[in-house]
N, C-alpha and C. Protein backbone atom coordinates (compact mmCIF):
# COMPACT_ATOMS: atom_id res chain seq x y z
N MET A 1 62.40 -38.42 68.35
CA MET A 1 62.87 -37.04 68.44
C MET A 1 63.29 -36.76 69.88
N PRO A 2 64.45 -36.15 70.10
CA PRO A 2 64.89 -35.83 71.47
C PRO A 2 63.87 -34.97 72.20
N ASP A 3 63.86 -35.11 73.56
CA ASP A 3 62.88 -34.38 74.37
C ASP A 3 62.95 -32.88 74.15
N ASP A 4 64.18 -32.36 74.04
CA ASP A 4 64.31 -30.91 73.87
C ASP A 4 63.75 -30.46 72.53
N ALA A 5 63.85 -31.33 71.50
CA ALA A 5 63.29 -30.98 70.19
C ALA A 5 61.77 -30.97 70.25
N VAL A 6 61.19 -31.96 70.94
CA VAL A 6 59.74 -32.02 71.09
C VAL A 6 59.25 -30.78 71.85
N LYS A 7 59.97 -30.46 72.94
CA LYS A 7 59.60 -29.30 73.74
C LYS A 7 59.70 -28.02 72.91
N GLY A 8 60.74 -27.96 72.09
CA GLY A 8 60.92 -26.78 71.25
C GLY A 8 59.80 -26.61 70.25
N ARG A 9 59.34 -27.72 69.64
CA ARG A 9 58.23 -27.65 68.68
C ARG A 9 56.95 -27.24 69.38
N ALA A 10 56.73 -27.79 70.57
CA ALA A 10 55.52 -27.44 71.32
C ALA A 10 55.51 -25.95 71.67
N GLN A 11 56.66 -25.45 72.08
CA GLN A 11 56.75 -24.03 72.41
C GLN A 11 56.52 -23.17 71.18
N HIS A 12 57.07 -23.64 70.05
CA HIS A 12 56.92 -22.90 68.80
C HIS A 12 55.45 -22.83 68.40
N ALA A 13 54.75 -23.99 68.50
CA ALA A 13 53.33 -24.03 68.13
C ALA A 13 52.51 -23.15 69.06
N ALA A 14 52.88 -23.14 70.35
CA ALA A 14 52.14 -22.31 71.31
C ALA A 14 52.38 -20.83 71.01
N ALA A 15 53.58 -20.49 70.61
CA ALA A 15 53.91 -19.09 70.33
C ALA A 15 53.28 -18.63 69.02
N ASP A 16 53.14 -19.53 68.06
CA ASP A 16 52.59 -19.19 66.75
C ASP A 16 51.54 -20.23 66.36
N PRO A 17 50.27 -19.96 66.64
CA PRO A 17 49.22 -20.94 66.36
C PRO A 17 49.07 -21.25 64.88
N ARG A 18 49.71 -20.44 64.01
CA ARG A 18 49.64 -20.70 62.58
C ARG A 18 50.68 -21.71 62.13
N ALA A 19 51.63 -22.04 63.02
CA ALA A 19 52.67 -23.01 62.67
C ALA A 19 52.07 -24.41 62.60
N PRO A 20 52.59 -25.28 61.71
CA PRO A 20 52.07 -26.65 61.64
C PRO A 20 52.21 -27.36 62.99
N LEU A 21 51.15 -28.03 63.41
CA LEU A 21 51.19 -28.76 64.66
C LEU A 21 51.98 -30.06 64.50
N LEU A 22 51.87 -30.69 63.33
CA LEU A 22 52.54 -31.96 63.07
C LEU A 22 53.73 -31.73 62.14
N ARG A 23 54.64 -32.68 62.12
CA ARG A 23 55.87 -32.52 61.36
C ARG A 23 55.74 -32.88 59.89
N GLY A 24 54.91 -33.85 59.59
CA GLY A 24 54.77 -34.30 58.21
C GLY A 24 54.26 -35.72 58.17
N VAL A 25 54.45 -36.41 57.03
CA VAL A 25 53.95 -37.77 56.86
C VAL A 25 54.85 -38.76 57.58
N HIS A 26 54.27 -39.58 58.47
CA HIS A 26 54.98 -40.73 59.03
C HIS A 26 54.90 -41.89 58.04
N HIS A 27 53.67 -42.26 57.68
CA HIS A 27 53.51 -43.24 56.60
C HIS A 27 52.15 -43.09 55.93
N LEU A 28 52.12 -43.39 54.66
CA LEU A 28 50.89 -43.58 53.92
C LEU A 28 50.57 -45.06 53.98
N ALA A 29 49.32 -45.44 54.25
CA ALA A 29 48.93 -46.85 54.30
C ALA A 29 48.06 -47.15 53.08
N LEU A 30 48.56 -47.99 52.18
CA LEU A 30 47.89 -48.33 50.93
C LEU A 30 47.63 -49.83 50.89
N ASN A 31 46.85 -50.27 49.91
CA ASN A 31 46.49 -51.68 49.80
C ASN A 31 46.97 -52.28 48.49
N THR A 32 47.33 -53.56 48.55
CA THR A 32 47.69 -54.34 47.37
C THR A 32 47.15 -55.74 47.54
N GLU A 33 47.05 -56.51 46.45
CA GLU A 33 46.76 -57.93 46.59
C GLU A 33 47.92 -58.76 46.04
N ASP A 34 49.03 -58.10 45.72
CA ASP A 34 50.23 -58.79 45.23
C ASP A 34 51.45 -58.07 45.80
N MET A 35 51.91 -58.51 46.97
CA MET A 35 53.01 -57.82 47.63
C MET A 35 54.31 -57.91 46.85
N LYS A 36 54.56 -59.05 46.20
CA LYS A 36 55.82 -59.18 45.45
C LYS A 36 55.88 -58.18 44.31
N ALA A 37 54.78 -58.08 43.54
CA ALA A 37 54.77 -57.11 42.44
C ALA A 37 54.90 -55.69 42.96
N THR A 38 54.31 -55.43 44.13
CA THR A 38 54.40 -54.11 44.74
C THR A 38 55.83 -53.81 45.19
N ILE A 39 56.49 -54.80 45.79
CA ILE A 39 57.89 -54.62 46.17
C ILE A 39 58.73 -54.30 44.95
N ASP A 40 58.52 -55.05 43.86
CA ASP A 40 59.32 -54.83 42.65
C ASP A 40 59.11 -53.42 42.11
N PHE A 41 57.85 -52.94 42.06
CA PHE A 41 57.58 -51.62 41.51
C PHE A 41 58.16 -50.53 42.40
N TRP A 42 57.86 -50.60 43.70
CA TRP A 42 58.23 -49.50 44.59
C TRP A 42 59.73 -49.46 44.89
N THR A 43 60.42 -50.59 44.80
CA THR A 43 61.87 -50.58 45.01
C THR A 43 62.63 -50.33 43.71
N ASP A 44 62.26 -51.04 42.64
CA ASP A 44 63.03 -50.95 41.39
C ASP A 44 62.75 -49.68 40.61
N ILE A 45 61.50 -49.25 40.57
CA ILE A 45 61.14 -48.09 39.76
C ILE A 45 61.16 -46.80 40.57
N LEU A 46 60.51 -46.83 41.74
CA LEU A 46 60.47 -45.62 42.57
C LEU A 46 61.68 -45.48 43.47
N GLY A 47 62.50 -46.52 43.59
CA GLY A 47 63.72 -46.42 44.39
C GLY A 47 63.47 -46.25 45.87
N MET A 48 62.40 -46.87 46.39
CA MET A 48 62.09 -46.80 47.82
C MET A 48 62.42 -48.14 48.46
N PRO A 49 63.52 -48.24 49.21
CA PRO A 49 63.94 -49.52 49.77
C PRO A 49 62.92 -50.08 50.77
N LEU A 50 62.75 -51.39 50.74
CA LEU A 50 61.95 -52.08 51.75
C LEU A 50 62.70 -51.99 53.08
N ILE A 51 62.03 -51.53 54.13
CA ILE A 51 62.72 -51.37 55.42
C ILE A 51 62.10 -52.17 56.55
N HIS A 52 60.87 -52.68 56.37
CA HIS A 52 60.24 -53.43 57.46
C HIS A 52 59.17 -54.34 56.87
N ALA A 53 59.20 -55.63 57.22
CA ALA A 53 58.23 -56.60 56.74
C ALA A 53 57.63 -57.32 57.94
N LEU A 54 56.30 -57.29 58.08
CA LEU A 54 55.67 -57.94 59.23
C LEU A 54 54.32 -58.50 58.84
N LYS A 55 53.76 -59.30 59.73
CA LYS A 55 52.38 -59.76 59.61
C LYS A 55 51.57 -59.05 60.68
N VAL A 56 50.34 -58.64 60.31
CA VAL A 56 49.45 -57.99 61.28
C VAL A 56 49.17 -58.98 62.41
N PRO A 57 49.23 -58.55 63.66
CA PRO A 57 49.07 -59.46 64.79
C PRO A 57 47.73 -60.20 64.77
N LYS A 58 47.72 -61.41 65.31
CA LYS A 58 46.49 -62.19 65.44
C LYS A 58 45.45 -61.38 66.22
N GLY A 59 44.23 -61.44 65.79
CA GLY A 59 43.15 -60.74 66.47
C GLY A 59 42.94 -59.33 66.00
N ALA A 60 43.78 -58.86 65.07
CA ALA A 60 43.69 -57.47 64.64
C ALA A 60 42.45 -57.19 63.79
N SER A 61 41.77 -58.26 63.33
CA SER A 61 40.53 -58.05 62.59
C SER A 61 39.34 -57.94 63.53
N GLY A 62 39.58 -58.17 64.84
CA GLY A 62 38.51 -58.12 65.83
C GLY A 62 38.74 -57.04 66.85
N PRO A 63 38.82 -57.45 68.15
CA PRO A 63 38.92 -56.46 69.23
C PRO A 63 40.18 -55.61 69.19
N LEU A 64 41.26 -56.12 68.56
CA LEU A 64 42.52 -55.37 68.51
C LEU A 64 42.62 -54.49 67.27
N ASN A 65 41.55 -54.42 66.49
CA ASN A 65 41.61 -53.66 65.25
C ASN A 65 41.92 -52.19 65.55
N ARG A 66 42.92 -51.67 64.87
CA ARG A 66 43.35 -50.27 65.08
C ARG A 66 43.13 -49.45 63.82
N GLY A 67 42.24 -49.92 62.96
CA GLY A 67 41.96 -49.18 61.73
C GLY A 67 42.49 -49.86 60.50
N ASN A 68 43.13 -51.02 60.65
CA ASN A 68 43.65 -51.74 59.50
C ASN A 68 42.55 -52.58 58.83
N PRO A 69 42.77 -53.08 57.61
CA PRO A 69 41.76 -53.90 56.95
C PRO A 69 41.41 -55.13 57.80
N PRO A 70 40.17 -55.62 57.71
CA PRO A 70 39.69 -56.67 58.61
C PRO A 70 40.06 -58.09 58.17
N PHE A 71 41.35 -58.37 58.03
CA PHE A 71 41.80 -59.69 57.63
C PHE A 71 42.94 -60.13 58.56
N GLU A 72 43.00 -61.44 58.82
CA GLU A 72 44.05 -62.00 59.67
C GLU A 72 45.31 -62.28 58.86
N ASP A 73 46.45 -62.25 59.54
CA ASP A 73 47.74 -62.66 58.96
C ASP A 73 48.10 -61.89 57.69
N MET A 74 47.67 -60.66 57.60
CA MET A 74 48.04 -59.84 56.43
C MET A 74 49.51 -59.44 56.49
N ARG A 75 50.13 -59.42 55.33
CA ARG A 75 51.44 -58.79 55.24
C ARG A 75 51.26 -57.28 55.32
N HIS A 76 52.20 -56.62 56.02
CA HIS A 76 52.16 -55.16 56.18
C HIS A 76 53.61 -54.70 56.08
N TYR A 77 54.00 -54.19 54.91
CA TYR A 77 55.40 -53.88 54.61
C TYR A 77 55.59 -52.38 54.44
N PHE A 78 56.78 -51.91 54.86
CA PHE A 78 57.08 -50.48 54.83
C PHE A 78 58.26 -50.19 53.91
N PHE A 79 58.18 -49.08 53.20
CA PHE A 79 59.22 -48.63 52.28
C PHE A 79 59.68 -47.22 52.67
N ASP A 80 60.96 -46.95 52.50
CA ASP A 80 61.53 -45.64 52.80
C ASP A 80 61.28 -44.72 51.61
N MET A 81 60.43 -43.69 51.82
CA MET A 81 60.14 -42.75 50.73
C MET A 81 61.08 -41.55 50.74
N GLY A 82 62.03 -41.53 51.69
CA GLY A 82 62.95 -40.41 51.77
C GLY A 82 62.49 -39.36 52.76
N ASN A 83 63.42 -38.54 53.20
CA ASN A 83 63.14 -37.43 54.10
C ASN A 83 62.46 -37.90 55.38
N ASP A 84 62.84 -39.11 55.84
CA ASP A 84 62.36 -39.66 57.11
C ASP A 84 60.86 -39.93 57.12
N SER A 85 60.31 -40.35 55.97
CA SER A 85 58.91 -40.73 55.86
C SER A 85 58.80 -42.07 55.15
N THR A 86 57.68 -42.77 55.36
CA THR A 86 57.54 -44.10 54.79
C THR A 86 56.20 -44.27 54.07
N VAL A 87 56.16 -45.30 53.21
CA VAL A 87 54.93 -45.78 52.58
C VAL A 87 54.75 -47.21 53.04
N ALA A 88 53.51 -47.57 53.41
CA ALA A 88 53.24 -48.93 53.87
C ALA A 88 52.13 -49.55 53.01
N PHE A 89 52.21 -50.86 52.82
CA PHE A 89 51.17 -51.59 52.10
C PHE A 89 50.64 -52.74 52.94
N PHE A 90 49.31 -52.88 52.95
CA PHE A 90 48.66 -54.09 53.43
C PHE A 90 48.43 -55.00 52.22
N GLU A 91 48.63 -56.31 52.39
CA GLU A 91 48.30 -57.24 51.32
C GLU A 91 46.93 -57.85 51.61
N ILE A 92 45.93 -57.42 50.84
CA ILE A 92 44.56 -57.90 50.97
C ILE A 92 44.44 -59.25 50.26
N PRO A 93 43.74 -60.23 50.83
CA PRO A 93 43.56 -61.51 50.14
C PRO A 93 42.98 -61.31 48.75
N LYS A 94 43.52 -62.04 47.77
CA LYS A 94 43.09 -61.87 46.39
C LYS A 94 41.58 -62.07 46.25
N GLY A 95 40.93 -61.11 45.60
CA GLY A 95 39.51 -61.20 45.33
C GLY A 95 38.61 -60.78 46.48
N ALA A 96 39.20 -60.45 47.65
CA ALA A 96 38.39 -60.11 48.82
C ALA A 96 37.80 -58.70 48.72
N LYS A 97 38.44 -57.83 47.97
CA LYS A 97 37.97 -56.45 47.80
C LYS A 97 38.06 -56.05 46.33
N GLY A 98 37.18 -55.13 45.95
CA GLY A 98 37.22 -54.63 44.59
C GLY A 98 38.21 -53.49 44.45
N LYS A 99 38.39 -53.02 43.21
CA LYS A 99 39.25 -51.87 42.94
C LYS A 99 38.58 -50.59 43.41
N ALA A 100 39.36 -49.69 43.98
CA ALA A 100 38.82 -48.43 44.48
C ALA A 100 38.57 -47.45 43.33
N ASP A 101 37.61 -46.58 43.53
CA ASP A 101 37.39 -45.46 42.63
C ASP A 101 38.11 -44.26 43.23
N ARG A 102 39.19 -43.85 42.59
CA ARG A 102 40.02 -42.79 43.17
C ARG A 102 39.31 -41.45 43.24
N ASP A 103 38.18 -41.32 42.54
CA ASP A 103 37.48 -40.03 42.52
C ASP A 103 36.31 -39.99 43.49
N GLU A 104 36.13 -41.02 44.30
CA GLU A 104 35.07 -41.00 45.30
C GLU A 104 35.49 -40.16 46.51
N ILE A 105 34.50 -39.58 47.19
CA ILE A 105 34.79 -38.83 48.40
C ILE A 105 35.43 -39.76 49.42
N GLY A 106 36.53 -39.33 50.01
CA GLY A 106 37.24 -40.14 50.98
C GLY A 106 38.32 -41.02 50.35
N GLY A 107 38.33 -41.10 49.03
CA GLY A 107 39.37 -41.89 48.36
C GLY A 107 40.63 -41.06 48.16
N MET A 108 41.73 -41.72 47.89
CA MET A 108 42.97 -41.01 47.58
C MET A 108 43.05 -40.84 46.07
N GLN A 109 42.87 -39.62 45.60
CA GLN A 109 42.83 -39.40 44.15
C GLN A 109 44.20 -39.67 43.53
N HIS A 110 45.24 -39.15 44.15
CA HIS A 110 46.60 -39.51 43.75
C HIS A 110 47.56 -39.08 44.85
N CYS A 111 48.77 -39.58 44.78
CA CYS A 111 49.82 -39.21 45.74
C CYS A 111 51.00 -38.65 44.97
N SER A 112 51.45 -37.48 45.37
CA SER A 112 52.58 -36.84 44.69
C SER A 112 53.82 -36.90 45.57
N PHE A 113 54.94 -37.33 44.98
CA PHE A 113 56.21 -37.38 45.67
C PHE A 113 57.14 -36.28 45.15
N VAL A 114 57.94 -35.72 46.04
CA VAL A 114 58.92 -34.70 45.66
C VAL A 114 60.08 -35.37 44.94
N ALA A 115 60.52 -34.79 43.84
CA ALA A 115 61.66 -35.32 43.10
C ALA A 115 62.67 -34.21 42.83
N THR A 116 63.94 -34.48 43.12
CA THR A 116 64.98 -33.53 42.71
C THR A 116 65.07 -33.56 41.19
N GLN A 117 65.80 -32.64 40.63
CA GLN A 117 65.91 -32.56 39.18
C GLN A 117 66.50 -33.86 38.60
N SER A 118 67.54 -34.38 39.23
CA SER A 118 68.17 -35.60 38.73
C SER A 118 67.26 -36.81 38.91
N ALA A 119 66.55 -36.90 40.06
CA ALA A 119 65.63 -38.01 40.29
C ALA A 119 64.45 -37.96 39.32
N PHE A 120 64.00 -36.76 39.00
CA PHE A 120 62.90 -36.57 38.06
C PHE A 120 63.26 -37.16 36.70
N ALA A 121 64.48 -36.89 36.25
CA ALA A 121 64.95 -37.43 34.97
C ALA A 121 65.14 -38.94 35.04
N GLU A 122 65.70 -39.44 36.16
CA GLU A 122 65.94 -40.87 36.30
C GLU A 122 64.64 -41.65 36.36
N LEU A 123 63.63 -41.13 37.04
CA LEU A 123 62.34 -41.81 37.13
C LEU A 123 61.72 -41.94 35.74
N GLN A 124 61.78 -40.89 34.95
CA GLN A 124 61.25 -40.97 33.59
C GLN A 124 62.00 -42.01 32.77
N ARG A 125 63.32 -42.10 32.96
CA ARG A 125 64.12 -43.11 32.25
C ARG A 125 63.67 -44.52 32.63
N ARG A 126 63.45 -44.76 33.93
CA ARG A 126 63.05 -46.09 34.39
C ARG A 126 61.66 -46.46 33.87
N LEU A 127 60.74 -45.50 33.88
CA LEU A 127 59.40 -45.78 33.37
C LEU A 127 59.45 -46.12 31.88
N LYS A 128 60.20 -45.35 31.12
CA LYS A 128 60.31 -45.62 29.69
C LYS A 128 60.95 -46.97 29.44
N ALA A 129 61.99 -47.31 30.20
CA ALA A 129 62.72 -48.58 30.01
C ALA A 129 61.82 -49.78 30.24
N ARG A 130 60.80 -49.62 31.10
CA ARG A 130 59.89 -50.74 31.40
C ARG A 130 58.57 -50.63 30.65
N GLY A 131 58.47 -49.66 29.75
CA GLY A 131 57.27 -49.51 28.97
C GLY A 131 56.06 -49.08 29.76
N ILE A 132 56.29 -48.36 30.87
CA ILE A 132 55.19 -47.88 31.71
C ILE A 132 54.82 -46.48 31.25
N PRO A 133 53.60 -46.27 30.77
CA PRO A 133 53.23 -44.95 30.26
C PRO A 133 53.10 -43.91 31.37
N PHE A 134 53.39 -42.68 31.02
CA PHE A 134 53.20 -41.57 31.96
C PHE A 134 52.84 -40.31 31.19
N LEU A 135 52.15 -39.41 31.88
CA LEU A 135 51.80 -38.11 31.31
C LEU A 135 52.84 -37.08 31.75
N GLY A 136 53.23 -36.21 30.86
CA GLY A 136 54.17 -35.16 31.20
C GLY A 136 55.56 -35.42 30.63
N PRO A 137 56.51 -34.59 31.11
CA PRO A 137 56.38 -33.55 32.15
C PRO A 137 55.48 -32.40 31.70
N MET A 138 54.73 -31.87 32.68
CA MET A 138 53.87 -30.73 32.41
C MET A 138 53.98 -29.73 33.56
N VAL A 139 53.83 -28.46 33.22
CA VAL A 139 53.89 -27.41 34.23
C VAL A 139 52.58 -27.41 35.02
N VAL A 140 52.68 -27.57 36.34
CA VAL A 140 51.48 -27.60 37.20
C VAL A 140 51.35 -26.34 38.05
N LEU A 141 52.46 -25.67 38.31
CA LEU A 141 52.52 -24.39 38.99
C LEU A 141 53.71 -23.65 38.40
N PRO A 142 53.81 -22.34 38.56
CA PRO A 142 54.97 -21.63 38.04
C PRO A 142 56.28 -22.24 38.58
N GLY A 143 57.14 -22.70 37.67
CA GLY A 143 58.42 -23.27 38.07
C GLY A 143 58.34 -24.70 38.57
N VAL A 144 57.15 -25.33 38.47
CA VAL A 144 56.96 -26.68 39.00
C VAL A 144 56.44 -27.59 37.90
N GLU A 145 57.10 -28.75 37.71
CA GLU A 145 56.69 -29.72 36.70
C GLU A 145 56.33 -31.05 37.37
N SER A 146 55.43 -31.79 36.72
CA SER A 146 55.03 -33.09 37.24
C SER A 146 54.89 -34.10 36.12
N ILE A 147 55.03 -35.37 36.49
CA ILE A 147 54.62 -36.48 35.63
C ILE A 147 53.61 -37.32 36.42
N TYR A 148 52.72 -38.00 35.70
CA TYR A 148 51.67 -38.81 36.31
C TYR A 148 51.72 -40.21 35.74
N PHE A 149 51.55 -41.22 36.61
CA PHE A 149 51.61 -42.62 36.17
C PHE A 149 50.91 -43.49 37.21
N PHE A 150 50.78 -44.78 36.91
CA PHE A 150 50.12 -45.72 37.81
C PHE A 150 51.10 -46.80 38.26
N ASP A 151 50.97 -47.23 39.52
CA ASP A 151 51.78 -48.36 39.97
C ASP A 151 51.09 -49.66 39.58
N ASN A 152 51.63 -50.79 40.02
CA ASN A 152 51.09 -52.10 39.66
C ASN A 152 49.70 -52.36 40.22
N ASN A 153 49.29 -51.57 41.23
CA ASN A 153 47.98 -51.74 41.85
C ASN A 153 46.92 -50.82 41.25
N GLY A 154 47.32 -49.97 40.32
CA GLY A 154 46.39 -48.98 39.77
C GLY A 154 46.32 -47.72 40.60
N ILE A 155 47.27 -47.54 41.53
CA ILE A 155 47.32 -46.31 42.33
C ILE A 155 47.93 -45.21 41.48
N ARG A 156 47.24 -44.08 41.41
CA ARG A 156 47.74 -42.98 40.60
C ARG A 156 48.80 -42.21 41.38
N LEU A 157 49.97 -42.05 40.79
CA LEU A 157 51.10 -41.40 41.42
C LEU A 157 51.56 -40.21 40.59
N GLU A 158 52.19 -39.28 41.28
CA GLU A 158 52.75 -38.09 40.64
C GLU A 158 54.15 -37.86 41.19
N ALA A 159 55.06 -37.46 40.35
CA ALA A 159 56.37 -37.01 40.80
C ALA A 159 56.48 -35.54 40.43
N THR A 160 56.83 -34.70 41.39
CA THR A 160 56.82 -33.25 41.22
C THR A 160 58.22 -32.69 41.42
N CYS A 161 58.64 -31.85 40.48
CA CYS A 161 59.99 -31.29 40.49
C CYS A 161 59.93 -29.77 40.48
N HIS A 162 60.57 -29.15 41.47
CA HIS A 162 60.74 -27.69 41.50
C HIS A 162 62.08 -27.40 40.82
N GLY A 163 62.04 -27.19 39.52
CA GLY A 163 63.25 -27.17 38.70
C GLY A 163 64.32 -26.19 39.14
N ALA A 164 63.92 -25.00 39.55
CA ALA A 164 64.90 -23.98 39.92
C ALA A 164 65.68 -24.37 41.17
N ASP A 165 65.10 -25.26 41.99
CA ASP A 165 65.78 -25.68 43.22
C ASP A 165 66.76 -26.81 43.00
N SER A 166 66.77 -27.38 41.79
CA SER A 166 67.69 -28.45 41.42
C SER A 166 67.65 -29.61 42.40
N GLU A 167 68.72 -29.78 43.21
CA GLU A 167 68.81 -30.92 44.12
C GLU A 167 68.38 -30.60 45.54
N ASN A 168 67.81 -29.41 45.75
CA ASN A 168 67.35 -29.02 47.09
C ASN A 168 65.93 -28.45 47.00
N PRO A 169 64.94 -29.31 46.73
CA PRO A 169 63.58 -28.81 46.54
C PRO A 169 63.04 -28.12 47.79
N ARG A 170 62.35 -27.00 47.58
CA ARG A 170 61.70 -26.27 48.67
C ARG A 170 60.22 -26.20 48.33
N VAL A 171 59.49 -27.19 48.80
CA VAL A 171 58.10 -27.37 48.38
C VAL A 171 57.22 -26.21 48.86
N ILE A 172 57.26 -25.89 50.15
CA ILE A 172 56.37 -24.85 50.69
C ILE A 172 56.65 -23.51 50.03
N ALA A 173 57.93 -23.17 49.90
CA ALA A 173 58.29 -21.90 49.28
C ALA A 173 57.80 -21.82 47.83
N GLY A 174 57.78 -22.97 47.15
CA GLY A 174 57.37 -22.98 45.76
C GLY A 174 55.87 -22.99 45.56
N VAL A 175 55.12 -23.28 46.61
CA VAL A 175 53.66 -23.40 46.50
C VAL A 175 52.93 -22.25 47.19
N ARG A 176 53.55 -21.66 48.21
CA ARG A 176 52.87 -20.64 49.02
C ARG A 176 52.44 -19.43 48.18
N GLN A 177 51.19 -19.02 48.37
CA GLN A 177 50.65 -17.85 47.68
C GLN A 177 50.75 -16.61 48.56
N THR A 178 50.47 -15.46 47.95
CA THR A 178 50.31 -14.24 48.74
C THR A 178 48.88 -14.21 49.29
N GLN A 179 48.66 -13.36 50.28
CA GLN A 179 47.32 -13.21 50.85
C GLN A 179 46.30 -12.81 49.78
N ALA A 180 46.67 -11.87 48.93
CA ALA A 180 45.73 -11.35 47.94
C ALA A 180 45.28 -12.43 46.97
N VAL A 181 46.21 -13.22 46.50
CA VAL A 181 45.88 -14.27 45.54
C VAL A 181 44.99 -15.32 46.19
N ALA A 182 45.37 -15.74 47.40
CA ALA A 182 44.57 -16.75 48.10
C ALA A 182 43.17 -16.25 48.41
N ARG A 183 43.07 -15.01 48.87
CA ARG A 183 41.77 -14.45 49.26
C ARG A 183 40.81 -14.37 48.06
N LYS A 184 41.36 -14.13 46.89
CA LYS A 184 40.51 -14.04 45.70
C LYS A 184 39.78 -15.36 45.47
N GLU A 185 40.50 -16.46 45.63
CA GLU A 185 39.86 -17.78 45.47
C GLU A 185 38.98 -18.12 46.66
N LEU A 186 39.47 -17.85 47.88
CA LEU A 186 38.70 -18.19 49.08
C LEU A 186 37.38 -17.43 49.16
N ALA A 187 37.34 -16.28 48.53
CA ALA A 187 36.11 -15.50 48.53
C ALA A 187 35.00 -16.18 47.75
N THR A 188 35.34 -17.20 46.95
CA THR A 188 34.30 -17.96 46.25
C THR A 188 33.62 -18.93 47.20
N ILE A 189 34.19 -19.13 48.41
CA ILE A 189 33.58 -19.98 49.44
C ILE A 189 32.66 -19.14 50.33
N THR A 190 33.19 -17.98 50.77
CA THR A 190 32.44 -17.13 51.70
C THR A 190 32.96 -15.70 51.62
N GLN A 191 32.09 -14.77 52.00
CA GLN A 191 32.48 -13.37 52.10
C GLN A 191 32.72 -12.96 53.55
N ASP A 192 32.79 -13.90 54.45
CA ASP A 192 33.05 -13.66 55.86
C ASP A 192 34.48 -13.15 56.02
N GLN A 193 34.65 -11.84 56.23
CA GLN A 193 35.98 -11.23 56.26
C GLN A 193 36.82 -11.71 57.45
N ARG A 194 36.19 -11.96 58.57
CA ARG A 194 36.93 -12.46 59.74
C ARG A 194 37.53 -13.83 59.43
N TRP A 195 36.73 -14.66 58.79
CA TRP A 195 37.23 -16.00 58.42
C TRP A 195 38.36 -15.89 57.40
N LEU A 196 38.20 -15.04 56.43
CA LEU A 196 39.23 -14.84 55.40
C LEU A 196 40.52 -14.31 56.04
N ASP A 197 40.39 -13.39 56.97
CA ASP A 197 41.57 -12.87 57.68
C ASP A 197 42.28 -13.99 58.43
N LYS A 198 41.51 -14.84 59.08
CA LYS A 198 42.09 -15.90 59.91
C LYS A 198 42.86 -16.91 59.06
N VAL A 199 42.25 -17.40 57.98
CA VAL A 199 42.89 -18.48 57.23
C VAL A 199 44.04 -18.00 56.35
N THR A 200 44.13 -16.70 56.08
CA THR A 200 45.24 -16.18 55.27
C THR A 200 46.30 -15.46 56.11
N ALA A 201 46.13 -15.47 57.44
CA ALA A 201 47.03 -14.69 58.30
C ALA A 201 48.49 -15.11 58.16
N GLY A 202 48.73 -16.37 57.87
CA GLY A 202 50.12 -16.85 57.77
C GLY A 202 50.75 -16.66 56.41
N LEU A 203 50.02 -16.11 55.46
CA LEU A 203 50.55 -15.93 54.10
C LEU A 203 51.21 -14.56 53.97
N PRO A 204 52.20 -14.46 53.11
CA PRO A 204 52.88 -13.16 52.93
C PRO A 204 51.97 -12.16 52.21
N LYS A 205 52.16 -10.88 52.56
CA LYS A 205 51.37 -9.82 51.93
C LYS A 205 51.97 -9.43 50.58
């Protein structure tokens, strides 16, 4: 990002502490034990092109570990998920780790991707053509539909479509609540009015 853009975001955050500090997802880091099958699923079905293929540097399981899985010579591949964000996979040695429980604390229960109206229909066509089952489409919020399915690794995925926006989805606008609606739910956590005022200050009245 150009220096003036970075400076502008910093000034914006300083002027409005309710503004997001970060821009969005750089990459999601997921695990597989079959990189080829993962490439086929994520490129052919999800339409996310492979953009970078590398091996984790030697020593990364020891002193150079930066949070990656503790194995040497792992493949670490990146896919373009659109909107200047990526998905990355580590290839774990076969049998070295068990399957994750997506409902455990700290686990990723599922990942939802934004889909335009046309992409939403095309994804369903591709899943049906390959005999991959999915749930939906179902209404998950007013004006918002989703389908749910699993990739080759058993990762639960969701594709979400804001139908009224057609080819220009506006996720925040479609999800944002009013202060009153949010406060009604938040009050089930606490009756601390100062806290409720603070966390709902950025919502429309």
